[in-house]
Amino acid sequence: RKLYPSNWDAIAFEIKQASNWTCQKCGKKCLEPHEVFEAHKKDVRQWAIYTLTVHHLDHVPMNCDRKNLIALCSVCHRKQHAHDKKFGITTNQPSLF
């Protein structure tokens, strides 16, 4: 979290709002801040897909240029990181894991 700018929450909120709280990869509508999880729940095992996150295309947390950010559901976000790691798409950033 130290690598992100101090206004990251506001930046991420703007990206999520601009995407209409929809994953830009799979098109899944995710929970908005005022919504209740129960309204979206079909299967408890699917809860993660309803959470919208923001992904840095270049994997550099300090680069918050809007062209570098994409709204992804948490499932697509994990898949994107796995894909990028598999194909060697990384930066010189130290590993967080």
Protein backbone atom coordinates (compact mmCIF):
# COMPACT_ATOMS: atom_id res chain seq x y z
CA ARG A 1 0.00 0.00 0.00
CA LYS A 2 2.99 2.31 0.57
CA LEU A 3 3.67 2.29 -3.18
CA TYR A 4 0.26 3.82 -3.99
CA PRO A 5 -0.36 7.59 -3.98
CA SER A 6 -2.12 9.06 -0.96
CA ASN A 7 -5.24 9.75 -3.03
CA TRP A 8 -5.47 6.18 -4.39
CA ASP A 9 -8.93 5.57 -2.92
CA ALA A 10 -10.33 8.60 -4.77
CA ILE A 11 -8.59 7.61 -8.02
CA ALA A 12 -9.86 4.03 -7.79
CA PHE A 13 -13.39 5.24 -7.03
CA GLU A 14 -13.34 7.45 -10.15
CA ILE A 15 -12.22 4.53 -12.33
CA LYS A 16 -14.93 2.27 -10.91
CA GLN A 17 -17.58 4.94 -11.33
CA ALA A 18 -16.48 5.65 -14.94
CA SER A 19 -16.93 1.94 -15.71
CA ASN A 20 -20.45 2.04 -14.24
CA TRP A 21 -19.28 -0.50 -11.64
CA THR A 22 -18.83 -3.09 -14.40
CA CYS A 23 -15.78 -5.27 -15.08
CA GLN A 24 -14.13 -4.02 -18.24
CA LYS A 25 -13.00 -7.55 -19.10
CA CYS A 26 -15.96 -9.89 -18.48
CA GLY A 27 -18.76 -7.31 -18.30
CA LYS A 28 -19.98 -8.46 -14.88
CA LYS A 29 -21.90 -5.79 -12.97
CA CYS A 30 -20.33 -5.42 -9.51
CA LEU A 31 -21.54 -4.03 -6.23
CA GLU A 32 -21.74 -0.27 -5.88
CA PRO A 33 -20.94 1.26 -2.47
CA HIS A 34 -24.61 1.74 -1.57
CA GLU A 35 -25.71 -1.78 -2.61
CA VAL A 36 -26.12 -4.80 -0.40
CA PHE A 37 -24.41 -8.07 -1.31
CA GLU A 38 -27.65 -10.04 -0.95
CA ALA A 39 -29.13 -8.24 -3.97
CA HIS A 40 -26.47 -9.78 -6.23
CA LYS A 41 -25.90 -13.14 -4.57
CA LYS A 42 -26.81 -16.25 -6.50
CA ASP A 43 -24.21 -18.58 -5.08
CA VAL A 44 -22.10 -17.86 -2.01
CA ARG A 45 -19.05 -19.33 -3.79
CA GLN A 46 -19.30 -16.57 -6.39
CA TRP A 47 -19.03 -13.65 -3.94
CA ALA A 48 -15.62 -12.46 -5.20
CA ILE A 49 -16.84 -11.71 -8.71
CA TYR A 50 -19.07 -8.94 -7.35
CA THR A 51 -16.16 -6.87 -6.01
CA LEU A 52 -14.75 -4.33 -8.45
CA THR A 53 -11.03 -3.55 -8.26
CA VAL A 54 -8.65 -1.35 -10.25
CA HIS A 55 -5.70 -2.85 -12.12
CA HIS A 56 -2.51 -1.06 -13.19
CA LEU A 57 -1.76 -2.23 -16.74
CA ASP A 58 1.97 -1.60 -16.27
CA HIS A 59 2.00 -3.01 -12.70
CA VAL A 60 3.43 0.23 -11.32
CA PRO A 61 1.27 1.43 -8.40
CA MET A 62 2.60 4.98 -8.62
CA ASN A 63 1.53 5.31 -12.28
CA CYS A 64 -2.07 6.39 -11.91
CA ASP A 65 -2.47 7.82 -15.39
CA ARG A 66 -6.08 7.02 -16.35
CA LYS A 67 -4.86 5.20 -19.50
CA ASN A 68 -2.93 2.82 -17.21
CA LEU A 69 -5.93 1.86 -15.06
CA ILE A 70 -8.77 -0.57 -15.75
CA ALA A 71 -11.73 -1.66 -13.62
CA LEU A 72 -11.79 -5.44 -13.17
CA CYS A 73 -13.87 -7.74 -11.00
CA SER A 74 -11.67 -9.50 -8.45
CA VAL A 75 -11.78 -12.76 -10.44
CA CYS A 76 -10.57 -11.11 -13.67
CA HIS A 77 -7.98 -9.14 -11.67
CA ARG A 78 -6.47 -12.34 -10.27
CA LYS A 79 -6.55 -13.95 -13.72
CA GLN A 80 -4.83 -10.91 -15.24
CA HIS A 81 -1.99 -11.07 -12.72
CA ALA A 82 -1.60 -14.82 -13.30
CA HIS A 83 -1.55 -14.26 -17.09
CA ASP A 84 0.99 -11.44 -16.83
CA LYS A 85 3.25 -13.51 -14.56
CA LYS A 86 3.03 -16.52 -16.89
CA PHE A 87 4.05 -14.44 -19.90
CA GLY A 88 6.70 -12.42 -18.06
CA ILE A 89 4.81 -9.13 -18.16
CA THR A 90 6.25 -7.47 -15.09
CA THR A 91 8.16 -4.41 -13.99
CA ASN A 92 11.25 -3.94 -11.89
CA GLN A 93 9.01 -3.50 -8.87
CA PRO A 94 9.88 -5.69 -5.88
CA SER A 95 7.49 -8.56 -5.30
CA LEU A 96 4.76 -7.96 -2.76
CA PHE A 97 4.39 -11.71 -2.13
